[in-house]
Amino acid sequence: MIIDLSMELSENILVYPGDPKVEIKAWSTIEKDGYYMNTLFMGEHSGTHVDAPAHFIKGCKTIDEMPLDKFIGEGAVIDVSKLDREILPEDITENPEILLLYTNGAEVYLSEESAKHLVNLGIKAIGIDKPSIDRDFRAHRVLLANEVVIFENLVNLEKLIGKEFTFIGVPLKIKNGSGSPVRAFAIIKEK
């Protein structure tokens, strides 16, 4: 079974404060031009997206320089929706290649200590169902400096709790990109 983990991109999507709004405009129509196509205007971090190290660390790899295997791996979801504080290392009860955090909209963010713990565990990537994995970008800097990519604005994570799955969230190959929108999904392993 495949679970879609991506938001639908539209002009109504919420963007991070200060980021450009998504604009989707018709460029051509079948009736007028014989083919249908839209133009897109949006920031690299619109909707479900992945952050490259260059997003916060000067001189680090851009999205086009990251190896594809960073965006694919065995995943696990931790439900942190009941926490009323930052996510601490002791809350991290799984050690997959790609760790996903289900907050269900709770005001829960990854602590800098947890980011260091995840780097020590050797994960490839981390993801969350919020626009940002932390409030002050300290966890961002720790993870990205160690080439742990960050997926944000994931959806449907509750459907993966307790399941074994492969996560796939491949970015566009944007030259010198600080990140990219992704079509993220999970393939649940059948038992």
Protein backbone atom coordinates (compact mmCIF):
# COMPACT_ATOMS: atom_id res chain seq x y z
CA MET A 1 0.00 0.00 0.00
CA ILE A 2 1.22 3.51 -0.84
CA ILE A 3 0.43 6.48 1.43
CA ASP A 4 0.73 9.98 -0.06
CA LEU A 5 2.58 12.26 2.39
CA SER A 6 2.42 15.47 0.32
CA MET A 7 0.23 18.55 0.53
CA GLU A 8 -1.58 19.62 -2.60
CA LEU A 9 0.07 22.71 -4.09
CA SER A 10 -2.44 25.47 -4.77
CA GLU A 11 -2.73 29.22 -4.41
CA ASN A 12 -4.57 28.64 -1.10
CA ILE A 13 -1.66 26.85 0.58
CA LEU A 14 -0.21 28.50 3.68
CA VAL A 15 3.42 29.53 3.36
CA TYR A 16 6.04 30.23 6.02
CA PRO A 17 5.75 33.88 7.19
CA GLY A 18 7.72 36.09 4.80
CA ASP A 19 7.95 33.47 2.02
CA PRO A 20 6.39 34.19 -1.39
CA LYS A 21 2.81 33.07 -1.91
CA VAL A 22 2.20 30.27 -4.39
CA GLU A 23 0.85 31.46 -7.74
CA ILE A 24 -0.43 29.06 -10.40
CA LYS A 25 -1.55 30.74 -13.60
CA ALA A 26 -2.86 29.28 -16.86
CA TRP A 27 -0.29 29.76 -19.63
CA SER A 28 -2.14 27.99 -22.40
CA THR A 29 -5.43 26.18 -22.99
CA ILE A 30 -6.42 23.33 -25.27
CA GLU A 31 -9.16 25.49 -26.81
CA LYS A 32 -6.85 28.41 -27.65
CA ASP A 33 -3.40 26.83 -28.03
CA GLY A 34 -4.00 23.13 -28.59
CA TYR A 35 -2.33 22.19 -25.28
CA TYR A 36 -2.78 22.93 -21.57
CA MET A 37 0.00 24.28 -19.31
CA ASN A 38 0.37 26.41 -16.17
CA THR A 39 3.13 28.64 -14.87
CA LEU A 40 4.26 28.30 -11.26
CA PHE A 41 5.66 30.95 -8.95
CA MET A 42 6.68 29.81 -5.47
CA GLY A 43 9.56 29.56 -3.07
CA GLU A 44 11.65 26.40 -2.91
CA HIS A 45 10.18 25.69 0.55
CA SER A 46 6.49 25.80 -0.44
CA GLY A 47 4.18 22.97 0.55
CA THR A 48 5.76 19.61 1.32
CA HIS A 49 9.46 20.21 0.79
CA VAL A 50 12.99 19.23 1.76
CA ASP A 51 15.75 21.50 3.10
CA ALA A 52 19.29 21.13 1.74
CA PRO A 53 22.35 21.92 3.90
CA ALA A 54 22.87 25.23 2.01
CA HIS A 55 19.52 26.48 3.38
CA PHE A 56 21.26 27.42 6.66
CA ILE A 57 24.95 26.59 6.28
CA LYS A 58 27.02 28.81 3.95
CA GLY A 59 29.20 26.80 1.58
CA CYS A 60 27.40 23.50 2.21
CA LYS A 61 25.73 21.35 -0.43
CA THR A 62 22.79 22.64 -2.44
CA ILE A 63 19.85 20.40 -3.32
CA ASP A 64 21.31 19.44 -6.73
CA GLU A 65 24.53 18.28 -5.03
CA MET A 66 22.85 15.94 -2.54
CA PRO A 67 22.99 12.21 -3.35
CA LEU A 68 19.59 10.71 -4.15
CA ASP A 69 19.94 8.05 -1.45
CA LYS A 70 19.42 10.78 1.19
CA PHE A 71 15.77 11.03 0.11
CA ILE A 72 14.88 7.33 0.17
CA GLY A 73 15.07 4.90 3.09
CA GLU A 74 13.45 2.75 5.71
CA GLY A 75 11.21 4.96 7.81
CA ALA A 76 9.51 5.10 11.17
CA VAL A 77 7.04 7.54 12.73
CA ILE A 78 7.13 8.69 16.34
CA ASP A 79 3.91 10.15 17.75
CA VAL A 80 4.94 13.29 19.69
CA SER A 81 1.48 14.88 19.56
CA LYS A 82 0.89 14.55 23.33
CA LEU A 83 4.13 16.28 24.37
CA ASP A 84 3.87 19.76 25.89
CA ARG A 85 7.56 20.55 25.52
CA GLU A 86 10.41 20.23 23.03
CA ILE A 87 11.24 16.78 21.69
CA LEU A 88 14.15 15.47 23.77
CA PRO A 89 16.59 12.62 23.01
CA GLU A 90 14.68 10.25 25.32
CA ASP A 91 11.55 10.77 23.19
CA ILE A 92 13.33 9.29 20.17
CA THR A 93 12.42 5.63 20.47
CA GLU A 94 13.18 4.60 16.88
CA ASN A 95 16.39 4.55 14.82
CA PRO A 96 15.40 4.22 11.15
CA GLU A 97 17.19 5.73 8.16
CA ILE A 98 14.44 8.37 7.95
CA LEU A 99 12.59 9.47 11.09
CA LEU A 100 9.21 11.20 10.83
CA LEU A 101 7.59 13.14 13.68
CA TYR A 102 3.80 13.21 13.99
CA THR A 103 2.70 16.31 15.95
CA ASN A 104 -0.94 16.53 14.83
CA GLY A 105 -0.52 20.33 14.97
CA ALA A 106 0.72 20.40 18.59
CA GLU A 107 3.24 23.09 19.52
CA VAL A 108 6.05 20.53 19.60
CA TYR A 109 9.46 21.10 18.03
CA LEU A 110 12.78 19.28 17.85
CA SER A 111 15.37 20.40 20.41
CA GLU A 112 18.99 21.09 19.53
CA GLU A 113 20.00 18.20 21.83
CA SER A 114 17.73 15.83 19.91
CA ALA A 115 19.20 17.00 16.61
CA LYS A 116 22.69 16.16 17.91
CA HIS A 117 21.40 12.77 19.11
CA LEU A 118 19.95 12.02 15.66
CA VAL A 119 23.23 12.95 13.98
CA ASN A 120 25.02 10.53 16.33
CA LEU A 121 22.50 7.81 15.44
CA GLY A 122 23.44 8.30 11.78
CA ILE A 123 20.01 9.01 10.26
CA LYS A 124 19.77 10.23 6.65
CA ALA A 125 16.75 12.47 7.07
CA ILE A 126 14.05 13.67 9.42
CA GLY A 127 10.56 14.92 8.67
CA ILE A 128 7.68 16.63 10.42
CA ASP A 129 4.05 17.58 9.74
CA LYS A 130 4.71 21.30 10.37
CA PRO A 131 6.22 24.20 8.38
CA SER A 132 9.39 24.01 10.50
CA ILE A 133 11.10 21.35 12.58
CA ASP A 134 12.14 23.91 15.20
CA ARG A 135 11.44 27.51 16.25
CA ASP A 136 14.91 29.00 16.48
CA PHE A 137 16.68 27.06 13.68
CA ARG A 138 19.30 25.59 16.05
CA ALA A 139 18.17 22.04 15.23
CA HIS A 140 18.14 22.97 11.54
CA ARG A 141 21.77 24.08 11.73
CA VAL A 142 22.92 20.93 13.57
CA LEU A 143 21.16 18.58 11.18
CA LEU A 144 22.02 20.37 7.94
CA ALA A 145 25.68 20.90 8.91
CA ASN A 146 25.84 17.10 9.11
CA GLU A 147 23.97 16.58 5.81
CA VAL A 148 20.82 15.26 7.47
CA VAL A 149 18.09 16.62 5.20
CA ILE A 150 14.82 17.93 6.66
CA PHE A 151 11.35 17.25 5.26
CA GLU A 152 8.62 19.68 6.35
CA ASN A 153 4.86 19.99 5.84
CA LEU A 154 4.31 16.24 5.53
CA VAL A 155 0.74 14.93 5.80
CA ASN A 156 -0.91 11.60 6.70
CA LEU A 157 1.83 10.57 9.15
CA GLU A 158 -0.79 9.14 11.53
CA LYS A 159 -1.41 6.39 8.94
CA LEU A 160 2.18 5.18 9.36
CA ILE A 161 2.39 4.89 13.16
CA GLY A 162 3.53 1.38 14.06
CA LYS A 163 4.04 0.39 10.41
CA GLU A 164 7.17 -0.72 8.56
CA PHE A 165 7.62 1.33 5.40
CA THR A 166 9.99 2.78 2.84
CA PHE A 167 9.94 6.58 2.61
CA ILE A 168 10.54 8.34 -0.71
CA GLY A 169 10.68 12.14 -1.07
CA VAL A 170 12.85 13.04 -4.06
CA PRO A 171 13.44 16.74 -4.80
CA LEU A 172 13.61 18.56 -8.10
CA LYS A 173 17.21 18.99 -9.29
CA ILE A 174 17.29 22.78 -8.81
CA LYS A 175 20.74 24.20 -9.56
CA ASN A 176 22.09 25.88 -6.41
CA GLY A 177 18.76 25.19 -4.67
CA SER A 178 18.38 25.64 -0.92
CA GLY A 179 15.61 23.04 -1.00
CA SER A 180 12.82 21.76 -3.18
CA PRO A 181 9.17 20.83 -3.17
CA VAL A 182 8.79 17.03 -3.10
CA ARG A 183 6.10 14.44 -3.75
CA ALA A 184 6.70 12.37 -0.63
CA PHE A 185 5.13 8.97 -0.09
CA ALA A 186 5.52 5.80 1.93
CA ILE A 187 5.33 2.24 0.70
CA ILE A 188 4.03 0.12 3.58
CA LYS A 189 5.59 -3.31 3.85
CA GLU A 190 3.08 -6.12 3.66
CA LYS A 191 3.44 -8.80 6.33
